[in-house]
């Protein structure tokens, strides 16, 4: 038999009988669907707990960063003030203690 004769004669095999009963699909079985829903519910619960923990950790880090910011601000304000006071003290020491010690007595 040639290839042309095989194509014209039809499919090589035909079913002997028709299927009995309706085919069973996974969508008709609700156990699979319930299992999937409960698995998703458990996973979402874990995700929610993780998000809450991250939120709490973020709040703690925010408090620490605010504290560091306050320290840096205080240092930025305090350092110039202490510098000015220190320079004034050194100036007075120079004027009344150190400079007179280096003056030569008159001849």
C-alpha atoms as a PDB file:
ATOM      1  CA  UNK A   1       0.000   0.000   0.000  1.00  0.00           C
ATOM      2  CA  UNK A   2       1.369   3.403  -0.924  1.00  0.00           C
ATOM      3  CA  UNK A   3       1.361   6.517   1.254  1.00  0.00           C
ATOM      4  CA  UNK A   4      -1.394   7.997  -0.886  1.00  0.00           C
ATOM      5  CA  UNK A   5      -3.654   4.983  -0.403  1.00  0.00           C
ATOM      6  CA  UNK A   6      -3.099   5.084   3.362  1.00  0.00           C
ATOM      7  CA  UNK A   7      -4.160   8.749   3.519  1.00  0.00           C
ATOM      8  CA  UNK A   8      -7.284   8.131   1.494  1.00  0.00           C
ATOM      9  CA  UNK A   9      -8.345   5.081   3.471  1.00  0.00           C
ATOM     10  CA  UNK A  10      -8.593   7.038   6.768  1.00  0.00           C
ATOM     11  CA  UNK A  11      -6.978   6.730  10.147  1.00  0.00           C
ATOM     12  CA  UNK A  12      -4.934   3.584  10.687  1.00  0.00           C
ATOM     13  CA  UNK A  13      -6.963   2.472  13.706  1.00  0.00           C
ATOM     14  CA  UNK A  14     -10.472   3.211  14.871  1.00  0.00           C
ATOM     15  CA  UNK A  15     -11.814   2.730  18.388  1.00  0.00           C
ATOM     16  CA  UNK A  16     -13.602  -0.560  18.971  1.00  0.00           C
ATOM     17  CA  UNK A  17     -16.274   0.910  21.237  1.00  0.00           C
ATOM     18  CA  UNK A  18     -17.338   4.228  22.748  1.00  0.00           C
ATOM     19  CA  UNK A  19     -16.267   5.270  26.232  1.00  0.00           C
ATOM     20  CA  UNK A  20     -18.634   4.306  28.994  1.00  0.00           C
ATOM     21  CA  UNK A  21     -19.605   7.042  31.484  1.00  0.00           C
ATOM     22  CA  UNK A  22     -18.485  10.642  31.775  1.00  0.00           C
ATOM     23  CA  UNK A  23     -14.793  11.364  32.101  1.00  0.00           C
ATOM     24  CA  UNK A  24     -13.591  12.413  35.570  1.00  0.00           C
ATOM     25  CA  UNK A  25     -11.740  15.726  35.707  1.00  0.00           C
ATOM     26  CA  UNK A  26      -9.928  17.129  38.756  1.00  0.00           C
ATOM     27  CA  UNK A  27     -12.363  20.050  38.915  1.00  0.00           C
ATOM     28  CA  UNK A  28     -15.193  17.674  39.834  1.00  0.00           C
ATOM     29  CA  UNK A  29     -13.266  16.469  42.882  1.00  0.00           C
ATOM     30  CA  UNK A  30     -13.476  19.210  45.546  1.00  0.00           C
ATOM     31  CA  UNK A  31     -10.938  17.572  47.885  1.00  0.00           C
ATOM     32  CA  UNK A  32      -8.108  18.818  45.683  1.00  0.00           C
ATOM     33  CA  UNK A  33      -9.547  22.336  45.706  1.00  0.00           C
ATOM     34  CA  UNK A  34     -10.041  22.354  49.492  1.00  0.00           C
ATOM     35  CA  UNK A  35      -6.508  21.086  50.045  1.00  0.00           C
ATOM     36  CA  UNK A  36      -5.136  23.845  47.817  1.00  0.00           C
ATOM     37  CA  UNK A  37      -7.186  26.511  49.625  1.00  0.00           C
ATOM     38  CA  UNK A  38      -6.037  25.329  53.056  1.00  0.00           C
ATOM     39  CA  UNK A  39      -2.422  25.233  51.898  1.00  0.00           C
ATOM     40  CA  UNK A  40      -2.734  28.805  50.630  1.00  0.00           C
ATOM     41  CA  UNK A  41      -4.364  29.852  53.899  1.00  0.00           C
ATOM     42  CA  UNK A  42      -1.456  28.422  55.904  1.00  0.00           C
ATOM     43  CA  UNK A  43       1.090  30.037  53.621  1.00  0.00           C
ATOM     44  CA  UNK A  44      -0.669  33.403  53.839  1.00  0.00           C
ATOM     45  CA  UNK A  45      -0.707  33.105  57.628  1.00  0.00           C
ATOM     46  CA  UNK A  46       3.047  32.565  57.660  1.00  0.00           C
ATOM     47  CA  UNK A  47       3.544  35.514  55.317  1.00  0.00           C
ATOM     48  CA  UNK A  48       1.360  37.720  57.522  1.00  0.00           C
ATOM     49  CA  UNK A  49       3.376  36.762  60.603  1.00  0.00           C
ATOM     50  CA  UNK A  50       6.635  37.476  58.767  1.00  0.00           C
ATOM     51  CA  UNK A  51       5.361  40.881  57.664  1.00  0.00           C
ATOM     52  CA  UNK A  52       4.353  41.723  61.234  1.00  0.00           C
ATOM     53  CA  UNK A  53       7.825  40.740  62.496  1.00  0.00           C
ATOM     54  CA  UNK A  54       9.473  42.869  59.810  1.00  0.00           C
ATOM     55  CA  UNK A  55       7.229  45.794  60.741  1.00  0.00           C
ATOM     56  CA  UNK A  56       8.215  45.517  64.411  1.00  0.00           C
ATOM     57  CA  UNK A  57      11.901  45.271  63.493  1.00  0.00           C
ATOM     58  CA  UNK A  58      11.503  48.311  61.256  1.00  0.00           C
ATOM     59  CA  UNK A  59       9.970  50.290  64.123  1.00  0.00           C
ATOM     60  CA  UNK A  60      12.898  49.341  66.373  1.00  0.00           C
ATOM     61  CA  UNK A  61      15.410  50.413  63.718  1.00  0.00           C
ATOM     62  CA  UNK A  62      13.512  53.673  63.277  1.00  0.00           C
ATOM     63  CA  UNK A  63      13.870  54.391  67.017  1.00  0.00           C
ATOM     64  CA  UNK A  64      17.599  53.658  66.878  1.00  0.00           C
ATOM     65  CA  UNK A  65      18.089  55.881  63.832  1.00  0.00           C
ATOM     66  CA  UNK A  66      16.223  58.735  65.504  1.00  0.00           C
ATOM     67  CA  UNK A  67      18.488  58.381  68.546  1.00  0.00           C
ATOM     68  CA  UNK A  68      21.599  58.497  66.347  1.00  0.00           C
ATOM     69  CA  UNK A  69      20.189  61.531  64.540  1.00  0.00           C
ATOM     70  CA  UNK A  70      19.677  63.339  67.846  1.00  0.00           C
ATOM     71  CA  UNK A  71      23.251  62.557  68.906  1.00  0.00           C
ATOM     72  CA  UNK A  72      24.636  63.869  65.619  1.00  0.00           C
ATOM     73  CA  UNK A  73      22.507  67.036  65.874  1.00  0.00           C
ATOM     74  CA  UNK A  74      23.649  67.623  69.472  1.00  0.00           C
ATOM     75  CA  UNK A  75      27.261  67.141  68.418  1.00  0.00           C
ATOM     76  CA  UNK A  76      26.844  69.605  65.576  1.00  0.00           C
ATOM     77  CA  UNK A  77      25.433  72.216  67.942  1.00  0.00           C
ATOM     78  CA  UNK A  78      27.669  71.514  70.916  1.00  0.00           C
ATOM     79  CA  UNK A  79      31.009  71.327  69.108  1.00  0.00           C
ATOM     80  CA  UNK A  80      31.022  74.930  67.819  1.00  0.00           C
ATOM     81  CA  UNK A  81      29.868  76.250  71.202  1.00  0.00           C
ATOM     82  CA  UNK A  82      32.631  74.358  73.027  1.00  0.00           C
ATOM     83  CA  UNK A  83      35.119  75.512  70.404  1.00  0.00           C
ATOM     84  CA  UNK A  84      34.246  79.171  70.960  1.00  0.00           C
ATOM     85  CA  UNK A  85      34.407  78.807  74.753  1.00  0.00           C
ATOM     86  CA  UNK A  86      37.747  76.976  74.493  1.00  0.00           C
ATOM     87  CA  UNK A  87      39.202  79.651  72.238  1.00  0.00           C
ATOM     88  CA  UNK A  88      38.055  82.380  74.666  1.00  0.00           C
ATOM     89  CA  UNK A  89      39.665  80.535  77.608  1.00  0.00           C
ATOM     90  CA  UNK A  90      42.932  80.074  75.688  1.00  0.00           C
ATOM     91  CA  UNK A  91      42.891  83.758  74.724  1.00  0.00           C
ATOM     92  CA  UNK A  92      42.478  84.864  78.331  1.00  0.00           C
ATOM     93  CA  UNK A  93      45.187  82.463  79.496  1.00  0.00           C
ATOM     94  CA  UNK A  94      47.531  83.883  76.864  1.00  0.00           C
ATOM     95  CA  UNK A  95      46.677  87.429  77.817  1.00  0.00           C
ATOM     96  CA  UNK A  96      47.091  87.121  81.584  1.00  0.00           C
ATOM     97  CA  UNK A  97      49.391  84.119  82.181  1.00  0.00           C
ATOM     98  CA  UNK A  98      51.524  83.096  79.235  1.00  0.00           C
ATOM     99  CA  UNK A  99      52.289  86.458  77.532  1.00  0.00           C
ATOM    100  CA  UNK A 100      53.418  88.210  80.766  1.00  0.00           C
ATOM    101  CA  UNK A 101      55.785  85.317  81.477  1.00  0.00           C
ATOM    102  CA  UNK A 102      57.599  85.912  78.168  1.00  0.00           C
ATOM    103  CA  UNK A 103      57.923  89.676  78.559  1.00  0.00           C
ATOM    104  CA  UNK A 104      61.423  90.775  79.293  1.00  0.00           C
ATOM    105  CA  UNK A 105      61.979  93.082  82.194  1.00  0.00           C
ATOM    106  CA  UNK A 106      62.801  96.646  81.186  1.00  0.00           C
ATOM    107  CA  UNK A 107      66.512  97.611  81.154  1.00  0.00           C
END
